[in-house]
Amino acid sequence: MPISCSSVHLVVPEADAERRLALASLEAMLARLPETGFAEVWVMHGRFPALCALLNGERGWLTCLRAEGDAGFSSRNGGVLSIPAAADADRAGRLHAPRAPVPSAGATTSCQAKPNS
Protein backbone atom coordinates (compact mmCIF):
# COMPACT_ATOMS: atom_id res chain seq x y z
CA MET A 1 0.00 0.00 0.00
CA PRO A 2 1.49 3.39 -0.98
CA ILE A 3 2.20 5.89 1.78
CA SER A 4 0.27 9.12 1.44
CA CYS A 5 2.07 12.44 1.64
CA SER A 6 0.29 15.80 1.79
CA SER A 7 1.72 19.28 1.50
CA VAL A 8 0.22 22.57 2.72
CA HIS A 9 1.86 25.96 2.16
CA LEU A 10 0.18 29.17 3.35
CA VAL A 11 1.44 32.75 3.51
CA VAL A 12 -0.56 34.73 6.08
CA PRO A 13 -1.51 38.19 4.73
CA GLU A 14 -0.95 41.37 6.73
CA ALA A 15 -4.51 42.77 6.42
CA ASP A 16 -6.91 41.58 9.16
CA ALA A 17 -9.77 40.53 6.86
CA GLU A 18 -7.45 38.62 4.51
CA ARG A 19 -5.62 37.08 7.48
CA ARG A 20 -8.89 35.77 8.94
CA LEU A 21 -9.79 34.18 5.60
CA ALA A 22 -6.31 32.65 5.23
CA LEU A 23 -6.40 31.17 8.75
CA ALA A 24 -9.89 29.75 8.13
CA SER A 25 -8.54 28.24 4.91
CA LEU A 26 -5.60 26.77 6.84
CA GLU A 27 -7.97 25.23 9.37
CA ALA A 28 -9.95 23.60 6.55
CA MET A 29 -6.75 22.31 4.86
CA LEU A 30 -5.50 20.82 8.13
CA ALA A 31 -8.87 19.13 8.74
CA ARG A 32 -8.50 17.38 5.36
CA LEU A 33 -5.07 15.93 6.15
CA PRO A 34 -5.14 12.15 6.59
CA GLU A 35 -4.64 10.77 10.09
CA THR A 36 -1.99 8.39 8.77
CA GLY A 37 0.81 8.99 6.33
CA PHE A 38 3.05 11.99 6.02
CA ALA A 39 2.35 15.72 5.82
CA GLU A 40 4.48 18.83 5.46
CA VAL A 41 2.81 22.07 6.56
CA TRP A 42 4.36 25.54 6.13
CA VAL A 43 2.74 28.68 7.57
CA MET A 44 4.60 31.88 6.86
CA HIS A 45 4.20 35.57 7.63
CA GLY A 46 5.72 37.08 4.51
CA ARG A 47 9.06 35.30 4.15
CA PHE A 48 9.65 35.14 7.94
CA PRO A 49 8.82 34.06 10.55
CA ALA A 50 8.04 30.61 9.17
CA LEU A 51 6.50 27.66 11.00
CA CYS A 52 6.94 24.15 9.61
CA ALA A 53 5.28 20.96 10.84
CA LEU A 54 6.45 17.59 9.54
CA LEU A 55 3.85 14.99 10.47
CA ASN A 56 3.96 11.20 10.43
CA GLY A 57 0.70 9.79 11.76
CA GLU A 58 0.62 10.61 15.48
CA ARG A 59 4.21 11.89 15.54
CA GLY A 60 5.42 15.27 14.42
CA TRP A 61 8.27 17.76 14.30
CA LEU A 62 7.67 21.49 14.66
CA THR A 63 10.22 24.12 13.62
CA CYS A 64 10.05 27.90 13.80
CA LEU A 65 12.46 29.93 11.66
CA ARG A 66 12.81 33.58 12.60
CA ALA A 67 15.00 34.87 9.76
CA GLU A 68 17.09 33.85 6.75
CA GLY A 69 19.89 31.52 7.86
CA ASP A 70 18.27 30.81 11.24
CA ALA A 71 18.68 27.21 12.43
CA GLY A 72 15.39 27.80 14.22
CA PHE A 73 13.71 26.42 17.28
CA SER A 74 12.24 22.96 17.03
CA SER A 75 10.33 20.46 19.08
CA ARG A 76 12.07 17.46 20.60
CA ASN A 77 11.02 14.30 22.38
CA GLY A 78 13.63 14.08 25.13
CA GLY A 79 12.78 10.41 25.72
CA VAL A 80 13.97 9.51 22.22
CA LEU A 81 17.30 11.36 22.20
CA SER A 82 20.23 9.07 22.89
CA ILE A 83 23.11 11.52 22.47
CA PRO A 84 23.77 13.53 25.69
CA ALA A 85 24.98 16.59 23.73
CA ALA A 86 21.74 16.65 21.74
CA ALA A 87 19.71 16.38 24.96
CA ASP A 88 21.70 19.25 26.50
CA ALA A 89 21.17 21.42 23.43
CA ASP A 90 17.47 20.57 23.51
CA ARG A 91 17.14 21.65 27.14
CA ALA A 92 18.89 24.91 26.26
CA GLY A 93 16.28 25.47 23.54
CA ARG A 94 18.72 25.37 20.65
CA LEU A 95 20.34 22.63 18.62
CA HIS A 96 23.10 23.76 16.30
CA ALA A 97 22.03 22.57 12.89
CA PRO A 98 22.60 23.53 9.29
CA ARG A 99 20.46 26.29 7.88
CA ALA A 100 16.93 25.07 7.25
CA PRO A 101 15.45 25.46 3.76
CA VAL A 102 12.32 27.58 3.39
CA PRO A 103 10.14 27.01 0.34
CA SER A 104 9.20 29.98 -1.78
CA ALA A 105 5.52 30.63 -2.42
CA GLY A 106 4.12 27.94 -4.69
CA ALA A 107 7.22 25.77 -4.37
CA THR A 108 6.96 22.00 -4.27
CA THR A 109 8.26 20.61 -0.99
CA SER A 110 9.50 17.11 -0.21
CA CYS A 111 5.92 15.87 -0.46
CA GLN A 112 4.23 15.79 -3.83
CA ALA A 113 2.41 19.11 -4.09
CA LYS A 114 -1.31 18.74 -3.54
CA PRO A 115 -3.96 21.36 -4.38
CA ASN A 116 -4.79 23.41 -1.28
CA SER A 117 -8.29 24.48 -2.30
C-alpha atoms as a PDB file:
ATOM      1  CA  MET A   1       0.000   0.000   0.000  1.00  0.00           C
ATOM      2  CA  PRO A   2       1.492   3.389  -0.983  1.00  0.00           C
ATOM      3  CA  ILE A   3       2.196   5.892   1.776  1.00  0.00           C
ATOM      4  CA  SER A   4       0.267   9.125   1.437  1.00  0.00           C
ATOM      5  CA  CYS A   5       2.068  12.444   1.644  1.00  0.00           C
ATOM      6  CA  SER A   6       0.290  15.800   1.795  1.00  0.00           C
ATOM      7  CA  SER A   7       1.717  19.284   1.497  1.00  0.00           C
ATOM      8  CA  VAL A   8       0.217  22.571   2.719  1.00  0.00           C
ATOM      9  CA  HIS A   9       1.855  25.957   2.161  1.00  0.00           C
ATOM     10  CA  LEU A  10       0.180  29.165   3.348  1.00  0.00           C
ATOM     11  CA  VAL A  11       1.440  32.746   3.511  1.00  0.00           C
ATOM     12  CA  VAL A  12      -0.557  34.729   6.079  1.00  0.00           C
ATOM     13  CA  PRO A  13      -1.506  38.189   4.728  1.00  0.00           C
ATOM     14  CA  GLU A  14      -0.950  41.373   6.735  1.00  0.00           C
ATOM     15  CA  ALA A  15      -4.512  42.768   6.423  1.00  0.00           C
ATOM     16  CA  ASP A  16      -6.914  41.580   9.156  1.00  0.00           C
ATOM     17  CA  ALA A  17      -9.772  40.526   6.855  1.00  0.00           C
ATOM     18  CA  GLU A  18      -7.450  38.622   4.509  1.00  0.00           C
ATOM     19  CA  ARG A  19      -5.620  37.085   7.478  1.00  0.00           C
ATOM     20  CA  ARG A  20      -8.889  35.766   8.944  1.00  0.00           C
ATOM     21  CA  LEU A  21      -9.794  34.175   5.599  1.00  0.00           C
ATOM     22  CA  ALA A  22      -6.311  32.652   5.234  1.00  0.00           C
ATOM     23  CA  LEU A  23      -6.399  31.172   8.749  1.00  0.00           C
ATOM     24  CA  ALA A  24      -9.885  29.745   8.130  1.00  0.00           C
ATOM     25  CA  SER A  25      -8.537  28.240   4.912  1.00  0.00           C
ATOM     26  CA  LEU A  26      -5.600  26.770   6.836  1.00  0.00           C
ATOM     27  CA  GLU A  27      -7.965  25.230   9.375  1.00  0.00           C
ATOM     28  CA  ALA A  28      -9.948  23.601   6.546  1.00  0.00           C
ATOM     29  CA  MET A  29      -6.750  22.310   4.861  1.00  0.00           C
ATOM     30  CA  LEU A  30      -5.501  20.818   8.133  1.00  0.00           C
ATOM     31  CA  ALA A  31      -8.866  19.130   8.737  1.00  0.00           C
ATOM     32  CA  ARG A  32      -8.503  17.377   5.359  1.00  0.00           C
ATOM     33  CA  LEU A  33      -5.067  15.928   6.149  1.00  0.00           C
ATOM     34  CA  PRO A  34      -5.141  12.146   6.588  1.00  0.00           C
ATOM     35  CA  GLU A  35      -4.643  10.767  10.094  1.00  0.00           C
ATOM     36  CA  THR A  36      -1.991   8.390   8.772  1.00  0.00           C
ATOM     37  CA  GLY A  37       0.806   8.990   6.325  1.00  0.00           C
ATOM     38  CA  PHE A  38       3.050  11.989   6.023  1.00  0.00           C
ATOM     39  CA  ALA A  39       2.348  15.717   5.816  1.00  0.00           C
ATOM     40  CA  GLU A  40       4.476  18.827   5.461  1.00  0.00           C
ATOM     41  CA  VAL A  41       2.808  22.071   6.562  1.00  0.00           C
ATOM     42  CA  TRP A  42       4.365  25.544   6.126  1.00  0.00           C
ATOM     43  CA  VAL A  43       2.737  28.679   7.573  1.00  0.00           C
ATOM     44  CA  MET A  44       4.603  31.878   6.855  1.00  0.00           C
ATOM     45  CA  HIS A  45       4.203  35.569   7.633  1.00  0.00           C
ATOM     46  CA  GLY A  46       5.724  37.082   4.511  1.00  0.00           C
ATOM     47  CA  ARG A  47       9.059  35.304   4.153  1.00  0.00           C
ATOM     48  CA  PHE A  48       9.646  35.136   7.943  1.00  0.00           C
ATOM     49  CA  PRO A  49       8.815  34.062  10.548  1.00  0.00           C
ATOM     50  CA  ALA A  50       8.036  30.609   9.174  1.00  0.00           C
ATOM     51  CA  LEU A  51       6.499  27.662  10.998  1.00  0.00           C
ATOM     52  CA  CYS A  52       6.938  24.147   9.609  1.00  0.00           C
ATOM     53  CA  ALA A  53       5.275  20.956  10.842  1.00  0.00           C
ATOM     54  CA  LEU A  54       6.445  17.587   9.536  1.00  0.00           C
ATOM     55  CA  LEU A  55       3.845  14.990  10.472  1.00  0.00           C
ATOM     56  CA  ASN A  56       3.960  11.196  10.430  1.00  0.00           C
ATOM     57  CA  GLY A  57       0.704   9.789  11.762  1.00  0.00           C
ATOM     58  CA  GLU A  58       0.624  10.612  15.479  1.00  0.00           C
ATOM     59  CA  ARG A  59       4.213  11.892  15.536  1.00  0.00           C
ATOM     60  CA  GLY A  60       5.423  15.272  14.416  1.00  0.00           C
ATOM     61  CA  TRP A  61       8.274  17.755  14.302  1.00  0.00           C
ATOM     62  CA  LEU A  62       7.667  21.487  14.655  1.00  0.00           C
ATOM     63  CA  THR A  63      10.219  24.116  13.619  1.00  0.00           C
ATOM     64  CA  CYS A  64      10.045  27.904  13.798  1.00  0.00           C
ATOM     65  CA  LEU A  65      12.463  29.927  11.663  1.00  0.00           C
ATOM     66  CA  ARG A  66      12.808  33.584  12.603  1.00  0.00           C
ATOM     67  CA  ALA A  67      14.998  34.874   9.760  1.00  0.00           C
ATOM     68  CA  GLU A  68      17.090  33.853   6.749  1.00  0.00           C
ATOM     69  CA  GLY A  69      19.887  31.523   7.864  1.00  0.00           C
ATOM     70  CA  ASP A  70      18.272  30.814  11.244  1.00  0.00           C
ATOM     71  CA  ALA A  71      18.681  27.209  12.427  1.00  0.00           C
ATOM     72  CA  GLY A  72      15.392  27.796  14.223  1.00  0.00           C
ATOM     73  CA  PHE A  73      13.706  26.424  17.285  1.00  0.00           C
ATOM     74  CA  SER A  74      12.244  22.960  17.027  1.00  0.00           C
ATOM     75  CA  SER A  75      10.325  20.462  19.076  1.00  0.00           C
ATOM     76  CA  ARG A  76      12.069  17.456  20.603  1.00  0.00           C
ATOM     77  CA  ASN A  77      11.020  14.304  22.385  1.00  0.00           C
ATOM     78  CA  GLY A  78      13.633  14.077  25.132  1.00  0.00           C
ATOM     79  CA  GLY A  79      12.780  10.410  25.721  1.00  0.00           C
ATOM     80  CA  VAL A  80      13.970   9.515  22.216  1.00  0.00           C
ATOM     81  CA  LEU A  81      17.302  11.356  22.205  1.00  0.00           C
ATOM     82  CA  SER A  82      20.234   9.066  22.887  1.00  0.00           C
ATOM     83  CA  ILE A  83      23.114  11.525  22.467  1.00  0.00           C
ATOM     84  CA  PRO A  84      23.773  13.528  25.689  1.00  0.00           C
ATOM     85  CA  ALA A  85      24.984  16.587  23.732  1.00  0.00           C
ATOM     86  CA  ALA A  86      21.742  16.646  21.740  1.00  0.00           C
ATOM     87  CA  ALA A  87      19.712  16.379  24.960  1.00  0.00           C
ATOM     88  CA  ASP A  88      21.703  19.255  26.504  1.00  0.00           C
ATOM     89  CA  ALA A  89      21.169  21.417  23.426  1.00  0.00           C
ATOM     90  CA  ASP A  90      17.475  20.568  23.506  1.00  0.00           C
ATOM     91  CA  ARG A  91      17.141  21.652  27.135  1.00  0.00           C
ATOM     92  CA  ALA A  92      18.886  24.914  26.259  1.00  0.00           C
ATOM     93  CA  GLY A  93      16.282  25.466  23.543  1.00  0.00           C
ATOM     94  CA  ARG A  94      18.721  25.370  20.650  1.00  0.00           C
ATOM     95  CA  LEU A  95      20.337  22.635  18.618  1.00  0.00           C
ATOM     96  CA  HIS A  96      23.102  23.765  16.296  1.00  0.00           C
ATOM     97  CA  ALA A  97      22.026  22.566  12.891  1.00  0.00           C
ATOM     98  CA  PRO A  98      22.600  23.530   9.290  1.00  0.00           C
ATOM     99  CA  ARG A  99      20.465  26.290   7.883  1.00  0.00           C
ATOM    100  CA  ALA A 100      16.927  25.068   7.250  1.00  0.00           C
ATOM    101  CA  PRO A 101      15.449  25.457   3.760  1.00  0.00           C
ATOM    102  CA  VAL A 102      12.322  27.576   3.392  1.00  0.00           C
ATOM    103  CA  PRO A 103      10.137  27.010   0.336  1.00  0.00           C
ATOM    104  CA  SER A 104       9.198  29.981  -1.783  1.00  0.00           C
ATOM    105  CA  ALA A 105       5.515  30.633  -2.416  1.00  0.00           C
ATOM    106  CA  GLY A 106       4.120  27.944  -4.690  1.00  0.00           C
ATOM    107  CA  ALA A 107       7.218  25.767  -4.368  1.00  0.00           C
ATOM    108  CA  THR A 108       6.962  21.997  -4.275  1.00  0.00           C
ATOM    109  CA  THR A 109       8.258  20.610  -0.990  1.00  0.00           C
ATOM    110  CA  SER A 110       9.503  17.109  -0.207  1.00  0.00           C
ATOM    111  CA  CYS A 111       5.917  15.867  -0.458  1.00  0.00           C
ATOM    112  CA  GLN A 112       4.234  15.790  -3.831  1.00  0.00           C
ATOM    113  CA  ALA A 113       2.406  19.112  -4.086  1.00  0.00           C
ATOM    114  CA  LYS A 114      -1.312  18.738  -3.537  1.00  0.00           C
ATOM    115  CA  PRO A 115      -3.962  21.356  -4.384  1.00  0.00           C
ATOM    116  CA  ASN A 116      -4.792  23.414  -1.279  1.00  0.00           C
ATOM    117  CA  SER A 117      -8.294  24.483  -2.302  1.00  0.00           C
END
